[in-house]
N, C-alpha and C. Protein backbone atom coordinates (compact mmCIF):
# COMPACT_ATOMS: atom_id res chain seq x y z
N MET A 1 186.17 65.09 51.70
CA MET A 1 185.34 65.31 52.85
C MET A 1 184.06 64.47 52.77
N ALA A 2 183.47 64.40 51.59
CA ALA A 2 182.24 63.61 51.43
C ALA A 2 182.50 62.15 51.75
N MET A 3 183.64 61.64 51.33
CA MET A 3 183.97 60.24 51.61
C MET A 3 184.10 60.01 53.12
N ASP A 4 184.68 60.95 53.83
CA ASP A 4 184.82 60.82 55.28
C ASP A 4 183.45 60.81 55.96
N VAL A 5 182.56 61.68 55.52
CA VAL A 5 181.22 61.74 56.11
C VAL A 5 180.47 60.43 55.84
N LEU A 6 180.57 59.92 54.62
CA LEU A 6 179.91 58.66 54.30
C LEU A 6 180.50 57.50 55.10
N THR A 7 181.81 57.48 55.24
CA THR A 7 182.46 56.43 56.03
C THR A 7 182.02 56.50 57.49
N ASP A 8 182.00 57.70 58.06
CA ASP A 8 181.56 57.86 59.44
C ASP A 8 180.10 57.41 59.60
N SER A 9 179.27 57.74 58.63
CA SER A 9 177.87 57.33 58.67
C SER A 9 177.74 55.82 58.62
N LEU A 10 178.53 55.18 57.77
CA LEU A 10 178.52 53.72 57.70
C LEU A 10 178.92 53.09 59.04
N ILE A 11 179.89 53.67 59.69
CA ILE A 11 180.34 53.16 60.98
C ILE A 11 179.22 53.28 62.02
N LEU A 12 178.58 54.44 62.06
CA LEU A 12 177.50 54.64 63.03
C LEU A 12 176.33 53.72 62.77
N VAL A 13 175.94 53.58 61.52
CA VAL A 13 174.83 52.67 61.19
C VAL A 13 175.23 51.23 61.49
N GLY A 14 176.47 50.87 61.21
CA GLY A 14 176.94 49.53 61.51
C GLY A 14 176.88 49.22 62.99
N GLN A 15 177.25 50.20 63.81
CA GLN A 15 177.18 50.01 65.26
C GLN A 15 175.73 49.83 65.70
N HIS A 16 174.83 50.61 65.12
CA HIS A 16 173.42 50.48 65.44
C HIS A 16 172.90 49.11 65.00
N GLY A 17 173.38 48.62 63.86
CA GLY A 17 172.95 47.33 63.34
C GLY A 17 173.31 46.18 64.25
N VAL A 18 174.35 46.34 65.06
CA VAL A 18 174.74 45.29 66.00
C VAL A 18 173.63 45.08 67.04
N TYR A 19 172.99 46.16 67.44
CA TYR A 19 171.96 46.08 68.48
C TYR A 19 170.56 45.89 67.91
N CYS A 20 170.39 46.16 66.64
CA CYS A 20 169.07 46.10 66.00
C CYS A 20 169.09 44.93 65.00
N GLN A 21 168.93 43.72 65.52
CA GLN A 21 169.05 42.51 64.69
C GLN A 21 167.72 42.16 64.03
N SER A 22 167.82 41.51 62.90
CA SER A 22 166.66 41.05 62.16
C SER A 22 166.07 39.81 62.84
N ALA A 23 164.75 39.78 62.95
CA ALA A 23 164.08 38.61 63.52
C ALA A 23 164.08 37.47 62.51
N ARG A 24 164.01 37.81 61.23
CA ARG A 24 163.95 36.79 60.17
C ARG A 24 165.31 36.24 59.80
N GLN A 25 166.35 37.08 59.95
CA GLN A 25 167.70 36.68 59.57
C GLN A 25 168.64 36.89 60.76
N PRO A 26 168.66 35.93 61.67
CA PRO A 26 169.53 36.08 62.84
C PRO A 26 170.99 36.35 62.43
N GLY A 27 171.61 37.26 63.15
CA GLY A 27 173.00 37.61 62.86
C GLY A 27 173.15 38.72 61.85
N LYS A 28 172.04 39.16 61.26
CA LYS A 28 172.07 40.27 60.30
C LYS A 28 171.31 41.46 60.89
N PRO A 29 171.69 42.66 60.47
CA PRO A 29 170.96 43.84 60.94
C PRO A 29 169.52 43.82 60.43
N ALA A 30 168.66 44.58 61.09
CA ALA A 30 167.28 44.72 60.65
C ALA A 30 167.25 45.22 59.21
N MET A 31 166.15 44.95 58.52
CA MET A 31 166.04 45.28 57.10
C MET A 31 166.24 46.77 56.83
N ASP A 32 165.70 47.64 57.68
CA ASP A 32 165.89 49.07 57.43
C ASP A 32 167.35 49.46 57.53
N ILE A 33 168.08 48.84 58.44
CA ILE A 33 169.52 49.11 58.56
C ILE A 33 170.24 48.61 57.32
N GLN A 34 169.86 47.44 56.81
CA GLN A 34 170.47 46.92 55.59
C GLN A 34 170.25 47.86 54.41
N VAL A 35 169.05 48.43 54.31
CA VAL A 35 168.74 49.36 53.22
C VAL A 35 169.58 50.63 53.34
N ILE A 36 169.71 51.12 54.56
CA ILE A 36 170.52 52.34 54.79
C ILE A 36 171.97 52.08 54.42
N VAL A 37 172.51 50.94 54.85
CA VAL A 37 173.91 50.60 54.54
C VAL A 37 174.11 50.49 53.04
N LYS A 38 173.17 49.86 52.34
CA LYS A 38 173.28 49.75 50.88
C LYS A 38 173.29 51.14 50.24
N GLY A 39 172.39 52.02 50.68
CA GLY A 39 172.35 53.37 50.13
C GLY A 39 173.63 54.14 50.38
N LEU A 40 174.18 54.01 51.58
CA LEU A 40 175.43 54.69 51.89
C LEU A 40 176.59 54.13 51.08
N ASN A 41 176.64 52.80 50.95
CA ASN A 41 177.70 52.19 50.13
C ASN A 41 177.59 52.62 48.67
N ASP A 42 176.36 52.68 48.15
CA ASP A 42 176.16 53.12 46.77
C ASP A 42 176.59 54.58 46.60
N ALA A 43 176.24 55.42 47.56
CA ALA A 43 176.63 56.83 47.50
C ALA A 43 178.15 56.97 47.56
N LYS A 44 178.77 56.18 48.41
CA LYS A 44 180.23 56.23 48.54
C LYS A 44 180.90 55.79 47.24
N ALA A 45 180.36 54.75 46.61
CA ALA A 45 180.91 54.29 45.33
C ALA A 45 180.74 55.36 44.26
N LEU A 46 179.61 56.04 44.24
CA LEU A 46 179.37 57.09 43.26
C LEU A 46 180.35 58.24 43.45
N VAL A 47 180.53 58.67 44.68
CA VAL A 47 181.48 59.76 44.96
C VAL A 47 182.88 59.34 44.55
N SER A 48 183.26 58.12 44.85
CA SER A 48 184.58 57.62 44.47
C SER A 48 184.76 57.60 42.96
N ASP A 49 183.75 57.14 42.24
CA ASP A 49 183.82 57.11 40.77
C ASP A 49 183.96 58.51 40.19
N VAL A 50 183.20 59.44 40.73
CA VAL A 50 183.28 60.83 40.24
C VAL A 50 184.66 61.41 40.53
N MET A 51 185.19 61.15 41.71
CA MET A 51 186.53 61.64 42.05
C MET A 51 187.59 61.07 41.11
N GLN A 52 187.48 59.80 40.79
CA GLN A 52 188.43 59.18 39.86
C GLN A 52 188.30 59.78 38.46
N GLU A 53 187.08 60.03 38.03
CA GLU A 53 186.86 60.62 36.71
C GLU A 53 187.42 62.04 36.65
N LEU A 54 187.21 62.81 37.70
CA LEU A 54 187.75 64.17 37.73
C LEU A 54 189.27 64.16 37.73
N LYS A 55 189.85 63.21 38.45
CA LYS A 55 191.31 63.09 38.48
C LYS A 55 191.84 62.74 37.09
N ALA A 56 191.16 61.84 36.40
CA ALA A 56 191.58 61.45 35.05
C ALA A 56 191.45 62.63 34.09
N GLN A 57 190.38 63.40 34.21
CA GLN A 57 190.21 64.57 33.36
C GLN A 57 191.29 65.61 33.62
N ARG A 58 191.64 65.79 34.88
CA ARG A 58 192.67 66.75 35.23
C ARG A 58 194.02 66.32 34.65
N ARG A 59 194.33 65.03 34.74
CA ARG A 59 195.59 64.53 34.16
C ARG A 59 195.61 64.74 32.64
N GLN A 60 194.49 64.50 32.01
CA GLN A 60 194.39 64.68 30.56
C GLN A 60 194.58 66.14 30.18
N ALA A 61 194.01 67.03 30.96
CA ALA A 61 194.15 68.47 30.69
C ALA A 61 195.59 68.93 30.84
N ILE A 62 196.31 68.37 31.80
CA ILE A 62 197.70 68.72 32.03
C ILE A 62 198.56 68.27 30.86
N ARG A 63 198.25 67.11 30.30
CA ARG A 63 199.03 66.58 29.18
C ARG A 63 198.84 67.39 27.91
N GLU A 64 197.69 68.02 27.79
CA GLU A 64 197.40 68.76 26.54
C GLU A 64 198.01 70.11 26.52
């Protein structure tokens, strides 16, 4: 569920970034949008890593 919420948030921020362009970097979202996207991507990676670790621990427990 957390991954879905993060993905949906990334989509919404990405859509906003299309309309909120950077004056310094044409074709890129404004700096605040870039920071938000980075934070969401980092959070999504963290959740994914934790999910993989829990899955590995569960497999190990089953084998024992």
